[in-house]
PDB file of all heavy atoms in Angstrom:
ATOM      1  N   TYR A   1      -1.639 -10.721   0.856  1.00  0.00           N
ATOM      2  CA  TYR A   1      -0.375 -10.584   0.106  1.00  0.00           C
ATOM      3  C   TYR A   1       0.521  -9.492   0.722  1.00  0.00           C
ATOM      4  O   TYR A   1       1.548  -9.396   0.283  1.00  0.00           O
ATOM      5  CB  TYR A   1      -0.754 -10.171  -1.291  1.00  0.00           C
ATOM      6  CG  TYR A   1      -1.645 -11.205  -2.000  1.00  0.00           C
ATOM      7  CD1 TYR A   1      -2.816 -10.796  -2.501  1.00  0.00           C
ATOM      8  CD2 TYR A   1      -1.296 -12.457  -2.315  1.00  0.00           C
ATOM      9  CE1 TYR A   1      -3.786 -11.534  -3.229  1.00  0.00           C
ATOM     10  CE2 TYR A   1      -2.167 -13.372  -2.889  1.00  0.00           C
ATOM     11  CZ  TYR A   1      -3.448 -12.885  -3.438  1.00  0.00           C
ATOM     12  OH  TYR A   1      -4.252 -13.743  -4.017  1.00  0.00           O
ATOM     13  N   LEU A   2       0.032  -8.860   1.741  1.00  0.00           N
ATOM     14  CA  LEU A   2       0.840  -7.732   2.206  1.00  0.00           C
ATOM     15  C   LEU A   2       1.734  -8.308   3.239  1.00  0.00           C
ATOM     16  O   LEU A   2       1.399  -9.132   4.057  1.00  0.00           O
ATOM     17  CB  LEU A   2      -0.193  -6.717   2.850  1.00  0.00           C
ATOM     18  CG  LEU A   2      -1.011  -5.935   1.930  1.00  0.00           C
ATOM     19  CD1 LEU A   2      -1.835  -4.834   2.594  1.00  0.00           C
ATOM     20  CD2 LEU A   2      -0.314  -5.301   0.780  1.00  0.00           C
ATOM     21  N   ARG A   3       2.909  -7.479   3.453  1.00  0.00           N
ATOM     22  CA  ARG A   3       3.888  -7.838   4.537  1.00  0.00           C
ATOM     23  C   ARG A   3       3.419  -6.977   5.675  1.00  0.00           C
ATOM     24  O   ARG A   3       2.583  -6.107   5.743  1.00  0.00           O
ATOM     25  CB  ARG A   3       5.235  -7.423   4.124  1.00  0.00           C
ATOM     26  CG  ARG A   3       5.705  -8.121   2.848  1.00  0.00           C
ATOM     27  CD  ARG A   3       6.975  -7.423   2.180  1.00  0.00           C
ATOM     28  NE  ARG A   3       6.697  -5.982   1.827  1.00  0.00           N
ATOM     29  CZ  ARG A   3       7.457  -5.139   1.376  1.00  0.00           C
ATOM     30  NH1 ARG A   3       8.680  -5.547   0.985  1.00  0.00           N
ATOM     31  NH2 ARG A   3       7.070  -3.947   1.038  1.00  0.00           N
ATOM     32  N   GLU A   4       4.072  -7.289   6.876  1.00  0.00           N
ATOM     33  CA  GLU A   4       3.720  -6.415   7.968  1.00  0.00           C
ATOM     34  C   GLU A   4       4.160  -5.140   7.890  1.00  0.00           C
ATOM     35  O   GLU A   4       3.589  -4.157   8.549  1.00  0.00           O
ATOM     36  CB  GLU A   4       4.548  -7.086   9.343  1.00  0.00           C
ATOM     37  CG  GLU A   4       3.982  -8.480   9.678  1.00  0.00           C
ATOM     38  CD  GLU A   4       4.514  -8.954  10.976  1.00  0.00           C
ATOM     39  OE1 GLU A   4       5.549  -8.183  11.477  1.00  0.00           O
ATOM     40  OE2 GLU A   4       4.234 -10.075  11.488  1.00  0.00           O
ATOM     41  N   THR A   5       5.056  -4.794   7.106  1.00  0.00           N
ATOM     42  CA  THR A   5       5.641  -3.419   7.056  1.00  0.00           C
ATOM     43  C   THR A   5       4.823  -2.672   5.832  1.00  0.00           C
ATOM     44  O   THR A   5       4.990  -1.350   5.795  1.00  0.00           O
ATOM     45  CB  THR A   5       7.090  -3.306   6.429  1.00  0.00           C
ATOM     46  OG1 THR A   5       7.238  -4.249   5.192  1.00  0.00           O
ATOM     47  CG2 THR A   5       7.955  -3.926   7.540  1.00  0.00           C
ATOM     48  N   ASP A   6       3.929  -3.334   5.137  1.00  0.00           N
ATOM     49  CA  ASP A   6       3.176  -2.580   4.208  1.00  0.00           C
ATOM     50  C   ASP A   6       1.959  -1.857   4.937  1.00  0.00           C
ATOM     51  O   ASP A   6       1.580  -2.441   5.918  1.00  0.00           O
ATOM     52  CB  ASP A   6       2.519  -3.549   3.146  1.00  0.00           C
ATOM     53  CG  ASP A   6       3.662  -4.201   2.195  1.00  0.00           C
ATOM     54  OD1 ASP A   6       4.708  -3.535   2.130  1.00  0.00           O
ATOM     55  OD2 ASP A   6       3.433  -5.280   1.804  1.00  0.00           O
ATOM     56  N   ILE A   7       1.471  -0.888   4.403  1.00  0.00           N
ATOM     57  CA  ILE A   7       0.512   0.012   4.976  1.00  0.00           C
ATOM     58  C   ILE A   7      -0.711   0.284   4.045  1.00  0.00           C
ATOM     59  O   ILE A   7      -0.450   0.655   2.881  1.00  0.00           O
ATOM     60  CB  ILE A   7       1.059   1.384   5.411  1.00  0.00           C
ATOM     61  CG1 ILE A   7       2.266   1.061   6.370  1.00  0.00           C
ATOM     62  CG2 ILE A   7      -0.007   2.277   6.060  1.00  0.00           C
ATOM     63  CD1 ILE A   7       3.122   2.426   6.511  1.00  0.00           C
ATOM     64  N   ILE A   8      -1.895   0.095   4.559  1.00  0.00           N
ATOM     65  CA  ILE A   8      -3.034   0.255   3.662  1.00  0.00           C
ATOM     66  C   ILE A   8      -4.084   1.119   4.388  1.00  0.00           C
ATOM     67  O   ILE A   8      -4.251   1.101   5.631  1.00  0.00           O
ATOM     68  CB  ILE A   8      -3.860  -1.131   3.331  1.00  0.00           C
ATOM     69  CG1 ILE A   8      -4.916  -0.851   2.467  1.00  0.00           C
ATOM     70  CG2 ILE A   8      -4.170  -1.908   4.656  1.00  0.00           C
ATOM     71  CD1 ILE A   8      -5.457  -2.177   1.752  1.00  0.00           C
ATOM     72  N   GLY A   9      -4.670   2.051   3.689  1.00  0.00           N
ATOM     73  CA  GLY A   9      -5.684   3.023   4.337  1.00  0.00           C
ATOM     74  C   GLY A   9      -6.461   3.893   3.270  1.00  0.00           C
ATOM     75  O   GLY A   9      -6.263   3.712   2.204  1.00  0.00           O
ATOM     76  N   TYR A  10      -7.369   4.594   3.821  1.00  0.00           N
ATOM     77  CA  TYR A  10      -8.209   5.380   3.078  1.00  0.00           C
ATOM     78  C   TYR A  10      -7.415   6.592   2.361  1.00  0.00           C
ATOM     79  O   TYR A  10      -6.655   7.179   3.129  1.00  0.00           O
ATOM     80  CB  TYR A  10      -9.428   5.868   3.786  1.00  0.00           C
ATOM     81  CG  TYR A  10     -10.594   4.915   4.001  1.00  0.00           C
ATOM     82  CD1 TYR A  10     -10.688   4.412   5.380  1.00  0.00           C
ATOM     83  CD2 TYR A  10     -11.147   4.336   3.041  1.00  0.00           C
ATOM     84  CE1 TYR A  10     -11.742   3.513   5.491  1.00  0.00           C
ATOM     85  CE2 TYR A  10     -12.265   3.410   3.285  1.00  0.00           C
ATOM     86  CZ  TYR A  10     -12.372   3.028   4.538  1.00  0.00           C
ATOM     87  OH  TYR A  10     -13.436   2.008   4.855  1.00  0.00           O
ATOM     88  N   VAL A  11      -7.678   6.860   1.201  1.00  0.00           N
ATOM     89  CA  VAL A  11      -7.195   8.155   0.587  1.00  0.00           C
ATOM     90  C   VAL A  11      -8.345   9.129   0.185  1.00  0.00           C
ATOM     91  O   VAL A  11      -8.214  10.363   0.322  1.00  0.00           O
ATOM     92  CB  VAL A  11      -6.390   7.799  -0.712  1.00  0.00           C
ATOM     93  CG1 VAL A  11      -6.012   9.065  -1.456  1.00  0.00           C
ATOM     94  CG2 VAL A  11      -5.202   6.989  -0.440  1.00  0.00           C
ATOM     95  N   ASP A  12      -9.498   8.514  -0.157  1.00  0.00           N
ATOM     96  CA  ASP A  12     -10.585   9.393  -0.593  1.00  0.00           C
ATOM     97  C   ASP A  12     -11.879   8.450  -0.349  1.00  0.00           C
ATOM     98  O   ASP A  12     -11.661   7.273   0.149  1.00  0.00           O
ATOM     99  CB  ASP A  12     -10.599   9.693  -1.976  1.00  0.00           C
ATOM    100  CG  ASP A  12     -11.445  11.019  -2.201  1.00  0.00           C
ATOM    101  OD1 ASP A  12     -12.220  11.382  -1.340  1.00  0.00           O
ATOM    102  OD2 ASP A  12     -11.225  11.693  -3.382  1.00  0.00           O
ATOM    103  N   HIS A  13     -13.024   9.009  -0.603  1.00  0.00           N
ATOM    104  CA  HIS A  13     -14.266   8.247  -0.235  1.00  0.00           C
ATOM    105  C   HIS A  13     -14.380   6.952  -1.055  1.00  0.00           C
ATOM    106  O   HIS A  13     -14.992   5.947  -0.653  1.00  0.00           O
ATOM    107  CB  HIS A  13     -15.498   9.019  -0.558  1.00  0.00           C
ATOM    108  CG  HIS A  13     -15.727   9.398  -1.978  1.00  0.00           C
ATOM    109  ND1 HIS A  13     -14.998  10.302  -2.579  1.00  0.00           N
ATOM    110  CD2 HIS A  13     -16.509   8.956  -2.873  1.00  0.00           C
ATOM    111  CE1 HIS A  13     -15.403  10.390  -3.837  1.00  0.00           C
ATOM    112  NE2 HIS A  13     -16.304   9.504  -3.992  1.00  0.00           N
ATOM    113  N   ASN A  14     -13.680   6.894  -2.176  1.00  0.00           N
ATOM    114  CA  ASN A  14     -13.685   5.650  -3.036  1.00  0.00           C
ATOM    115  C   ASN A  14     -12.295   5.303  -3.539  1.00  0.00           C
ATOM    116  O   ASN A  14     -12.171   4.556  -4.444  1.00  0.00           O
ATOM    117  CB  ASN A  14     -14.659   5.898  -4.344  1.00  0.00           C
ATOM    118  CG  ASN A  14     -14.166   6.869  -5.235  1.00  0.00           C
ATOM    119  OD1 ASN A  14     -13.346   7.937  -4.755  1.00  0.00           O
ATOM    120  ND2 ASN A  14     -14.549   6.846  -6.456  1.00  0.00           N
ATOM    121  N   VAL A  15     -11.256   5.692  -2.738  1.00  0.00           N
ATOM    122  CA  VAL A  15      -9.930   5.434  -3.113  1.00  0.00           C
ATOM    123  C   VAL A  15      -9.172   4.797  -1.860  1.00  0.00           C
ATOM    124  O   VAL A  15      -9.289   5.450  -0.740  1.00  0.00           O
ATOM    125  CB  VAL A  15      -9.094   6.555  -3.644  1.00  0.00           C
ATOM    126  CG1 VAL A  15      -7.715   6.251  -3.884  1.00  0.00           C
ATOM    127  CG2 VAL A  15      -9.864   7.244  -4.780  1.00  0.00           C
ATOM    128  N   ILE A  16      -8.518   3.673  -2.047  1.00  0.00           N
ATOM    129  CA  ILE A  16      -7.671   3.040  -1.000  1.00  0.00           C
ATOM    130  C   ILE A  16      -6.205   3.161  -1.453  1.00  0.00           C
ATOM    131  O   ILE A  16      -5.967   2.932  -2.675  1.00  0.00           O
ATOM    132  CB  ILE A  16      -8.157   1.634  -0.715  1.00  0.00           C
ATOM    133  CG1 ILE A  16      -9.465   1.649  -0.058  1.00  0.00           C
ATOM    134  CG2 ILE A  16      -7.091   0.957   0.083  1.00  0.00           C
ATOM    135  CD1 ILE A  16     -10.060   0.243  -0.003  1.00  0.00           C
ATOM    136  N   GLY A  17      -5.339   3.437  -0.509  1.00  0.00           N
ATOM    137  CA  GLY A  17      -3.975   3.423  -0.917  1.00  0.00           C
ATOM    138  C   GLY A  17      -3.126   2.332  -0.196  1.00  0.00           C
ATOM    139  O   GLY A  17      -3.488   1.969   0.959  1.00  0.00           O
ATOM    140  N   VAL A  18      -2.198   1.909  -0.868  1.00  0.00           N
ATOM    141  CA  VAL A  18      -1.177   0.948  -0.179  1.00  0.00           C
ATOM    142  C   VAL A  18       0.255   1.439  -0.345  1.00  0.00           C
ATOM    143  O   VAL A  18       0.697   1.864  -1.500  1.00  0.00           O
ATOM    144  CB  VAL A  18      -1.354  -0.349  -0.856  1.00  0.00           C
ATOM    145  CG1 VAL A  18      -0.497  -1.441  -0.236  1.00  0.00           C
ATOM    146  CG2 VAL A  18      -2.831  -0.982  -1.052  1.00  0.00           C
ATOM    147  N   ILE A  19       0.899   1.509   0.860  1.00  0.00           N
ATOM    148  CA  ILE A  19       2.365   1.912   0.895  1.00  0.00           C
ATOM    149  C   ILE A  19       3.245   0.637   0.758  1.00  0.00           C
ATOM    150  O   ILE A  19       3.082  -0.117   1.736  1.00  0.00           O
ATOM    151  CB  ILE A  19       2.632   2.811   1.950  1.00  0.00           C
ATOM    152  CG1 ILE A  19       1.714   4.028   1.910  1.00  0.00           C
ATOM    153  CG2 ILE A  19       4.058   3.241   1.976  1.00  0.00           C
ATOM    154  CD1 ILE A  19       1.779   4.882   3.187  1.00  0.00           C
ATOM    155  N   PHE A  20       4.095   0.405  -0.068  1.00  0.00           N
ATOM    156  CA  PHE A  20       5.009  -0.588  -0.117  1.00  0.00           C
ATOM    157  C   PHE A  20       6.490  -0.180   0.112  1.00  0.00           C
ATOM    158  O   PHE A  20       7.151   0.133  -0.886  1.00  0.00           O
ATOM    159  CB  PHE A  20       4.956  -1.358  -1.550  1.00  0.00           C
ATOM    160  CG  PHE A  20       3.675  -2.004  -1.890  1.00  0.00           C
ATOM    161  CD1 PHE A  20       2.711  -1.364  -2.561  1.00  0.00           C
ATOM    162  CD2 PHE A  20       3.304  -3.275  -1.316  1.00  0.00           C
ATOM    163  CE1 PHE A  20       1.549  -1.793  -2.885  1.00  0.00           C
ATOM    164  CE2 PHE A  20       2.083  -3.804  -1.640  1.00  0.00           C
ATOM    165  CZ  PHE A  20       1.190  -3.245  -2.395  1.00  0.00           C
ATOM    166  N   PRO A  21       6.963  -0.156   1.329  1.00  0.00           N
ATOM    167  CA  PRO A  21       8.412   0.284   1.606  1.00  0.00           C
ATOM    168  C   PRO A  21       9.303  -0.857   1.042  1.00  0.00           C
ATOM    169  O   PRO A  21       8.973  -1.903   0.949  1.00  0.00           O
ATOM    170  CB  PRO A  21       8.429   0.296   3.076  1.00  0.00           C
ATOM    171  CG  PRO A  21       6.967   0.366   3.622  1.00  0.00           C
ATOM    172  CD  PRO A  21       6.164  -0.327   2.600  1.00  0.00           C
ATOM    173  N   HIS A  22      10.490  -0.179   0.535  1.00  0.00           N
ATOM    174  CA  HIS A  22      11.486  -1.113   0.069  1.00  0.00           C
ATOM    175  C   HIS A  22      11.058  -2.079  -1.025  1.00  0.00           C
ATOM    176  O   HIS A  22      11.385  -3.181  -1.106  1.00  0.00           O
ATOM    177  CB  HIS A  22      12.171  -1.925   1.035  1.00  0.00           C
ATOM    178  CG  HIS A  22      12.905  -1.123   2.099  1.00  0.00           C
ATOM    179  ND1 HIS A  22      14.177  -0.803   2.159  1.00  0.00           N
ATOM    180  CD2 HIS A  22      12.404  -0.540   3.289  1.00  0.00           C
ATOM    181  CE1 HIS A  22      14.638  -0.083   3.124  1.00  0.00           C
ATOM    182  NE2 HIS A  22      13.553   0.104   3.832  1.00  0.00           N
ATOM    183  N   THR A  23      10.178  -1.535  -1.933  1.00  0.00           N
ATOM    184  CA  THR A  23       9.522  -2.332  -2.944  1.00  0.00           C
ATOM    185  C   THR A  23       9.704  -1.575  -4.308  1.00  0.00           C
ATOM    186  O   THR A  23       9.145  -0.507  -4.334  1.00  0.00           O
ATOM    187  CB  THR A  23       8.108  -2.719  -2.746  1.00  0.00           C
ATOM    188  OG1 THR A  23       8.035  -3.309  -1.428  1.00  0.00           O
ATOM    189  CG2 THR A  23       7.532  -3.542  -3.669  1.00  0.00           C
ATOM    190  N   THR A  24       9.997  -2.182  -5.406  1.00  0.00           N
ATOM    191  CA  THR A  24       9.986  -1.649  -6.724  1.00  0.00           C
ATOM    192  C   THR A  24       8.517  -1.561  -7.258  1.00  0.00           C
ATOM    193  O   THR A  24       7.663  -2.377  -6.738  1.00  0.00           O
ATOM    194  CB  THR A  24      10.990  -2.306  -7.663  1.00  0.00           C
ATOM    195  OG1 THR A  24      10.414  -3.577  -7.759  1.00  0.00           O
ATOM    196  CG2 THR A  24      12.313  -2.339  -7.173  1.00  0.00           C
ATOM    197  N   GLN A  25       8.309  -0.798  -8.274  1.00  0.00           N
ATOM    198  CA  GLN A  25       7.029  -0.826  -8.867  1.00  0.00           C
ATOM    199  C   GLN A  25       6.591  -2.132  -9.490  1.00  0.00           C
ATOM    200  O   GLN A  25       5.402  -2.571  -9.205  1.00  0.00           O
ATOM    201  CB  GLN A  25       6.969   0.205 -10.048  1.00  0.00           C
ATOM    202  CG  GLN A  25       5.500   0.326 -10.534  1.00  0.00           C
ATOM    203  CD  GLN A  25       5.394   1.383 -11.659  1.00  0.00           C
ATOM    204  OE1 GLN A  25       6.491   1.925 -12.089  1.00  0.00           O
ATOM    205  NE2 GLN A  25       4.176   1.835 -11.820  1.00  0.00           N
ATOM    206  N   LYS A  26       7.573  -2.848 -10.065  1.00  0.00           N
ATOM    207  CA  LYS A  26       7.251  -4.189 -10.509  1.00  0.00           C
ATOM    208  C   LYS A  26       6.820  -5.093  -9.354  1.00  0.00           C
ATOM    209  O   LYS A  26       5.771  -5.879  -9.489  1.00  0.00           O
ATOM    210  CB  LYS A  26       8.522  -4.831 -11.035  1.00  0.00           C
ATOM    211  CG  LYS A  26       8.251  -6.268 -11.668  1.00  0.00           C
ATOM    212  CD  LYS A  26       9.501  -6.777 -12.412  1.00  0.00           C
ATOM    213  CE  LYS A  26       9.293  -8.102 -13.088  1.00  0.00           C
ATOM    214  NZ  LYS A  26      10.522  -8.693 -13.714  1.00  0.00           N
ATOM    215  N   GLY A  27       7.415  -5.015  -8.179  1.00  0.00           N
ATOM    216  CA  GLY A  27       6.948  -5.889  -7.058  1.00  0.00           C
ATOM    217  C   GLY A  27       5.553  -5.457  -6.550  1.00  0.00           C
ATOM    218  O   GLY A  27       4.779  -6.423  -6.336  1.00  0.00           O
TER     219      GLY A  27
END
């Protein structure tokens, strides 16, 4: 479901983060 510009990575030992540039919270 991610676009090429979206970024996913580790934040903590059991937490993953996803960065959605140019995206509202609803999206």
